[in-house]
C-alpha atoms as a PDB file:
ATOM      1  CA  MET A   1     -48.137 -38.097 124.972  1.00  0.00           C
ATOM      2  CA  ALA A   2     -47.602 -40.299 128.031  1.00  0.00           C
ATOM      3  CA  ALA A   3     -44.527 -42.447 128.342  1.00  0.00           C
ATOM      4  CA  THR A   4     -44.813 -46.239 128.493  1.00  0.00           C
ATOM      5  CA  PHE A   5     -42.700 -48.221 130.960  1.00  0.00           C
ATOM      6  CA  THR A   6     -42.022 -51.892 130.263  1.00  0.00           C
ATOM      7  CA  LYS A   7     -39.879 -54.062 132.558  1.00  0.00           C
ATOM      8  CA  ILE A   8     -37.719 -56.394 130.466  1.00  0.00           C
ATOM      9  CA  PRO A   9     -34.901 -58.863 131.199  1.00  0.00           C
ATOM     10  CA  LEU A  10     -31.314 -58.127 130.285  1.00  0.00           C
ATOM     11  CA  SER A  11     -30.870 -59.093 126.640  1.00  0.00           C
ATOM     12  CA  GLY A  12     -27.435 -60.660 127.199  1.00  0.00           C
ATOM     13  CA  GLY A  13     -28.941 -63.448 129.271  1.00  0.00           C
ATOM     14  CA  GLY A  14     -31.100 -64.817 126.513  1.00  0.00           C
ATOM     15  CA  GLY A  15     -34.170 -62.961 127.754  1.00  0.00           C
ATOM     16  CA  ASP A  16     -34.944 -65.453 130.519  1.00  0.00           C
ATOM     17  CA  GLY A  17     -34.098 -63.211 133.505  1.00  0.00           C
ATOM     18  CA  LEU A  18     -31.460 -65.586 134.881  1.00  0.00           C
ATOM     19  CA  GLY A  19     -27.925 -64.569 135.843  1.00  0.00           C
ATOM     20  CA  ILE A  20     -25.292 -63.875 133.218  1.00  0.00           C
ATOM     21  CA  THR A  21     -21.884 -65.438 133.910  1.00  0.00           C
ATOM     22  CA  VAL A  22     -19.049 -62.979 133.272  1.00  0.00           C
ATOM     23  CA  VAL A  23     -16.511 -65.084 131.389  1.00  0.00           C
ATOM     24  CA  ALA A  24     -14.441 -62.227 129.924  1.00  0.00           C
ATOM     25  CA  THR A  25     -11.378 -61.006 131.812  1.00  0.00           C
ATOM     26  CA  ALA A  26     -10.657 -58.013 129.533  1.00  0.00           C
ATOM     27  CA  THR A  27     -12.376 -55.778 127.014  1.00  0.00           C
ATOM     28  CA  ALA A  28     -14.591 -56.472 125.131  1.00  0.00           C
ATOM     29  CA  GLY A  29     -16.515 -57.942 128.007  1.00  0.00           C
ATOM     30  CA  THR A  30     -19.336 -60.440 128.219  1.00  0.00           C
ATOM     31  CA  LEU A  31     -22.556 -59.044 126.709  1.00  0.00           C
ATOM     32  CA  ILE A  32     -24.985 -57.903 129.417  1.00  0.00           C
ATOM     33  CA  HIS A  33     -27.530 -55.805 127.519  1.00  0.00           C
ATOM     34  CA  THR A  34     -28.082 -54.171 124.157  1.00  0.00           C
ATOM     35  CA  ALA A  35     -30.194 -51.033 124.451  1.00  0.00           C
ATOM     36  CA  SER A  36     -32.668 -49.909 121.843  1.00  0.00           C
ATOM     37  CA  ALA A  37     -31.411 -48.127 118.722  1.00  0.00           C
ATOM     38  CA  THR A  38     -34.574 -45.972 118.671  1.00  0.00           C
ATOM     39  CA  ALA A  39     -33.859 -42.347 119.608  1.00  0.00           C
ATOM     40  CA  SER A  40     -37.145 -41.973 121.513  1.00  0.00           C
ATOM     41  CA  THR A  41     -36.484 -45.034 123.696  1.00  0.00           C
ATOM     42  CA  VAL A  42     -34.599 -44.882 126.991  1.00  0.00           C
ATOM     43  CA  ASP A  43     -33.440 -47.937 128.950  1.00  0.00           C
ATOM     44  CA  GLU A  44     -33.171 -47.544 132.717  1.00  0.00           C
ATOM     45  CA  VAL A  45     -30.690 -50.251 133.722  1.00  0.00           C
ATOM     46  CA  TRP A  46     -30.441 -52.008 137.094  1.00  0.00           C
ATOM     47  CA  LEU A  47     -27.505 -54.396 137.579  1.00  0.00           C
ATOM     48  CA  TYR A  48     -26.496 -56.553 140.546  1.00  0.00           C
ATOM     49  CA  ALA A  49     -23.503 -58.881 140.920  1.00  0.00           C
ATOM     50  CA  ALA A  50     -22.938 -62.045 142.927  1.00  0.00           C
ATOM     51  CA  ASN A  51     -19.484 -63.494 143.518  1.00  0.00           C
ATOM     52  CA  ILE A  52     -19.280 -67.304 143.680  1.00  0.00           C
ATOM     53  CA  HIS A  53     -15.515 -67.257 144.337  1.00  0.00           C
ATOM     54  CA  SER A  54     -13.651 -67.667 147.645  1.00  0.00           C
ATOM     55  CA  SER A  55     -11.818 -64.344 147.053  1.00  0.00           C
ATOM     56  CA  ALA A  56     -12.943 -60.829 146.201  1.00  0.00           C
ATOM     57  CA  VAL A  57     -13.196 -60.137 142.464  1.00  0.00           C
ATOM     58  CA  VAL A  58     -13.188 -56.774 140.687  1.00  0.00           C
ATOM     59  CA  VAL A  59     -15.861 -56.450 138.026  1.00  0.00           C
ATOM     60  CA  THR A  60     -15.811 -53.755 135.337  1.00  0.00           C
ATOM     61  CA  ILE A  61     -18.983 -52.656 133.564  1.00  0.00           C
ATOM     62  CA  GLU A  62     -18.438 -51.206 130.081  1.00  0.00           C
ATOM     63  CA  TYR A  63     -21.440 -48.891 129.983  1.00  0.00           C
ATOM     64  CA  GLY A  64     -22.000 -48.091 126.314  1.00  0.00           C
ATOM     65  CA  GLY A  65     -18.307 -47.986 125.422  1.00  0.00           C
ATOM     66  CA  VAL A  66     -14.784 -48.737 126.601  1.00  0.00           C
ATOM     67  CA  SER A  67     -13.371 -45.279 127.376  1.00  0.00           C
ATOM     68  CA  VAL A  68     -11.703 -45.179 130.804  1.00  0.00           C
ATOM     69  CA  THR A  69     -12.839 -41.627 131.490  1.00  0.00           C
ATOM     70  CA  LYS A  70     -16.544 -41.977 130.729  1.00  0.00           C
ATOM     71  CA  ASP A  71     -17.753 -45.554 130.200  1.00  0.00           C
ATOM     72  CA  LEU A  72     -16.274 -47.792 132.901  1.00  0.00           C
ATOM     73  CA  ILE A  73     -17.816 -48.642 136.266  1.00  0.00           C
ATOM     74  CA  GLN A  74     -15.638 -50.760 138.591  1.00  0.00           C
ATOM     75  CA  GLN A  75     -16.643 -52.500 141.797  1.00  0.00           C
ATOM     76  CA  SER A  76     -14.906 -55.024 144.024  1.00  0.00           C
ATOM     77  CA  ILE A  77     -17.304 -57.823 144.928  1.00  0.00           C
ATOM     78  CA  ALA A  78     -16.544 -59.504 148.253  1.00  0.00           C
ATOM     79  CA  ALA A  79     -15.954 -63.241 148.492  1.00  0.00           C
ATOM     80  CA  THR A  80     -18.820 -65.695 148.894  1.00  0.00           C
ATOM     81  CA  PRO A  81     -21.240 -65.259 150.593  1.00  0.00           C
ATOM     82  CA  SER A  82     -21.611 -61.659 149.437  1.00  0.00           C
ATOM     83  CA  GLY A  83     -25.187 -61.842 148.193  1.00  0.00           C
ATOM     84  CA  LEU A  84     -26.230 -59.408 145.493  1.00  0.00           C
ATOM     85  CA  VAL A  85     -24.213 -56.192 145.224  1.00  0.00           C
ATOM     86  CA  LEU A  86     -25.728 -53.219 143.417  1.00  0.00           C
ATOM     87  CA  LEU A  87     -23.607 -52.217 140.395  1.00  0.00           C
ATOM     88  CA  CYS A  88     -25.887 -49.929 138.436  1.00  0.00           C
ATOM     89  CA  ALA A  89     -28.806 -48.132 140.082  1.00  0.00           C
ATOM     90  CA  GLY A  90     -31.168 -47.031 137.347  1.00  0.00           C
ATOM     91  CA  LEU A  91     -28.634 -45.401 135.047  1.00  0.00           C
ATOM     92  CA  ILE A  92     -30.099 -44.605 131.668  1.00  0.00           C
ATOM     93  CA  VAL A  93     -28.865 -45.282 128.183  1.00  0.00           C
ATOM     94  CA  GLN A  94     -30.650 -43.792 125.202  1.00  0.00           C
ATOM     95  CA  GLY A  95     -30.758 -45.186 121.720  1.00  0.00           C
ATOM     96  CA  ASN A  96     -29.727 -43.287 118.613  1.00  0.00           C
ATOM     97  CA  ALA A  97     -28.657 -44.471 115.163  1.00  0.00           C
ATOM     98  CA  THR A  98     -26.827 -47.369 116.818  1.00  0.00           C
ATOM     99  CA  ALA A  99     -27.707 -49.378 119.905  1.00  0.00           C
ATOM    100  CA  LYS A 100     -25.661 -48.848 123.052  1.00  0.00           C
ATOM    101  CA  ILE A 101     -24.088 -52.044 124.376  1.00  0.00           C
ATOM    102  CA  ILE A 102     -23.354 -52.842 128.029  1.00  0.00           C
ATOM    103  CA  ARG A 103     -20.665 -55.439 128.710  1.00  0.00           C
ATOM    104  CA  ALA A 104     -18.747 -56.699 131.756  1.00  0.00           C
ATOM    105  CA  PHE A 105     -15.397 -58.280 132.495  1.00  0.00           C
ATOM    106  CA  ALA A 106     -13.893 -59.475 135.761  1.00  0.00           C
ATOM    107  CA  GLY A 107     -10.508 -60.162 137.330  1.00  0.00           C
ATOM    108  CA  THR A 108     -11.328 -63.890 137.453  1.00  0.00           C
ATOM    109  CA  ALA A 109     -13.339 -65.665 134.749  1.00  0.00           C
ATOM    110  CA  SER A 110     -16.688 -67.319 135.488  1.00  0.00           C
ATOM    111  CA  LYS A 111     -16.911 -66.223 139.151  1.00  0.00           C
ATOM    112  CA  ILE A 112     -19.221 -63.208 138.801  1.00  0.00           C
ATOM    113  CA  GLU A 113     -22.908 -63.526 137.937  1.00  0.00           C
ATOM    114  CA  ILE A 114     -24.780 -60.421 136.767  1.00  0.00           C
ATOM    115  CA  PHE A 115     -28.497 -60.149 137.492  1.00  0.00           C
ATOM    116  CA  GLY A 116     -30.834 -57.310 136.708  1.00  0.00           C
ATOM    117  CA  PHE A 117     -33.546 -55.819 134.584  1.00  0.00           C
ATOM    118  CA  VAL A 118     -34.327 -52.861 132.365  1.00  0.00           C
ATOM    119  CA  ASN A 119     -37.208 -50.437 132.515  1.00  0.00           C
ATOM    120  CA  ARG A 120     -37.706 -49.585 128.838  1.00  0.00           C
ATOM    121  CA  ILE A 121     -39.293 -46.171 128.511  1.00  0.00           C
ATOM    122  CA  THR A 122     -40.865 -45.134 125.217  1.00  0.00           C
ATOM    123  CA  ALA A 123     -42.447 -41.780 124.443  1.00  0.00           C
END
């Protein structure tokens, strides 16, 4: 059976494709995306960040969990104008009995915007 690819917006942004403001400054972070809970569905996630602050800000992506050794992705985003900075280049998250959740927090509240999309792959 052939796989089906569907490009979808990040679910944390209300499904409209616009940026998601990272308001959280600690775990649990601002909701970015909830992956499918279906075991045969894989989400390929692409995330970009923009910093609207006059100083660099560290952003932490909680990729499916909050464990320091396996779930966290950290990136320092340069001060404005930094443009879009790639945070997550097509990493996959696969559903199972529970959906995997991707969240983000930053060193300064409401200064990082997350943009992106998901390629949802179903078998």
